[in-house]
Amino acid sequence: MEADHIHALIERVIKKQPTMKICTPWDWQQLIRSTGATVFEMLLDDFRNFEALYSGTSHSKETDSR
């Protein structure tokens, strides 16, 4: 899988640079960029609030109880 490949690359970079400290999300971005992977920076507005979906009525499948 693609995700396994990316994770393996990240782990290799971490092993090669043991002095690198990762303290912030920006540090993770820089580390992942150094593997050649594309990093998409997400802002707070990129995340959605789905609370309204849970507060409404449930849309469950009706079953015939015969």
Protein backbone atom coordinates (compact mmCIF):
# COMPACT_ATOMS: atom_id res chain seq x y z
CA MET A 1 0.00 0.00 0.00
CA GLU A 2 1.07 3.56 -0.60
CA ALA A 3 0.66 4.51 3.06
CA ASP A 4 2.99 1.70 4.16
CA HIS A 5 5.63 2.93 1.73
CA ILE A 6 5.42 6.51 3.00
CA HIS A 7 5.59 5.38 6.64
CA ALA A 8 8.66 3.27 5.87
CA LEU A 9 10.35 6.28 4.23
CA ILE A 10 9.59 8.47 7.24
CA GLU A 11 10.98 5.86 9.64
CA ARG A 12 14.19 5.58 7.58
CA VAL A 13 14.70 9.35 7.67
CA ILE A 14 14.15 9.41 11.45
CA LYS A 15 16.76 6.65 11.93
CA LYS A 16 19.29 8.51 9.75
CA GLN A 17 18.78 11.78 11.66
CA PRO A 18 18.55 10.79 15.34
CA THR A 19 19.45 14.32 16.47
CA MET A 20 16.41 15.83 14.76
CA LYS A 21 13.81 16.81 17.33
CA ILE A 22 10.16 16.91 16.37
CA CYS A 23 8.33 19.33 18.63
CA THR A 24 5.67 20.87 16.40
CA PRO A 25 3.49 19.87 13.44
CA TRP A 26 5.74 22.05 11.26
CA ASP A 27 8.69 19.78 12.17
CA TRP A 28 6.69 16.77 10.94
CA GLN A 29 5.96 18.62 7.69
CA GLN A 30 9.65 19.29 7.12
CA LEU A 31 10.59 15.69 7.90
CA ILE A 32 7.97 14.27 5.53
CA ARG A 33 8.94 16.74 2.79
CA SER A 34 12.53 15.51 3.07
CA THR A 35 11.32 12.03 1.97
CA GLY A 36 10.05 13.48 -1.30
CA ALA A 37 6.40 13.08 -0.36
CA THR A 38 3.91 15.86 -1.02
CA VAL A 39 2.65 17.56 2.12
CA PHE A 40 -0.66 19.39 2.15
CA GLU A 41 -0.80 21.86 5.02
CA MET A 42 -4.25 21.98 6.56
CA LEU A 43 -5.68 24.95 8.40
CA LEU A 44 -8.40 24.98 11.03
CA ASP A 45 -10.98 25.95 8.38
CA ASP A 46 -10.21 22.72 6.51
CA PHE A 47 -11.82 20.68 9.28
CA ARG A 48 -15.60 20.42 9.46
CA ASN A 49 -17.95 20.17 12.42
CA PHE A 50 -20.21 17.14 12.00
CA GLU A 51 -21.97 17.56 15.34
CA ALA A 52 -25.23 18.55 13.62
CA LEU A 53 -25.37 15.13 11.95
CA TYR A 54 -25.39 13.40 15.32
CA SER A 55 -27.93 15.68 17.01
CA GLY A 56 -30.69 15.07 14.45
CA THR A 57 -33.05 12.15 14.17
CA SER A 58 -31.59 8.78 13.39
CA HIS A 59 -32.09 7.46 9.89
CA SER A 60 -32.14 3.75 10.56
CA LYS A 61 -33.26 1.09 8.16
CA GLU A 62 -36.80 -0.05 8.86
CA THR A 63 -37.28 -3.78 9.17
CA ASP A 64 -40.39 -5.87 8.82
CA SER A 65 -41.05 -7.54 12.18
CA ARG A 66 -43.21 -10.36 10.85
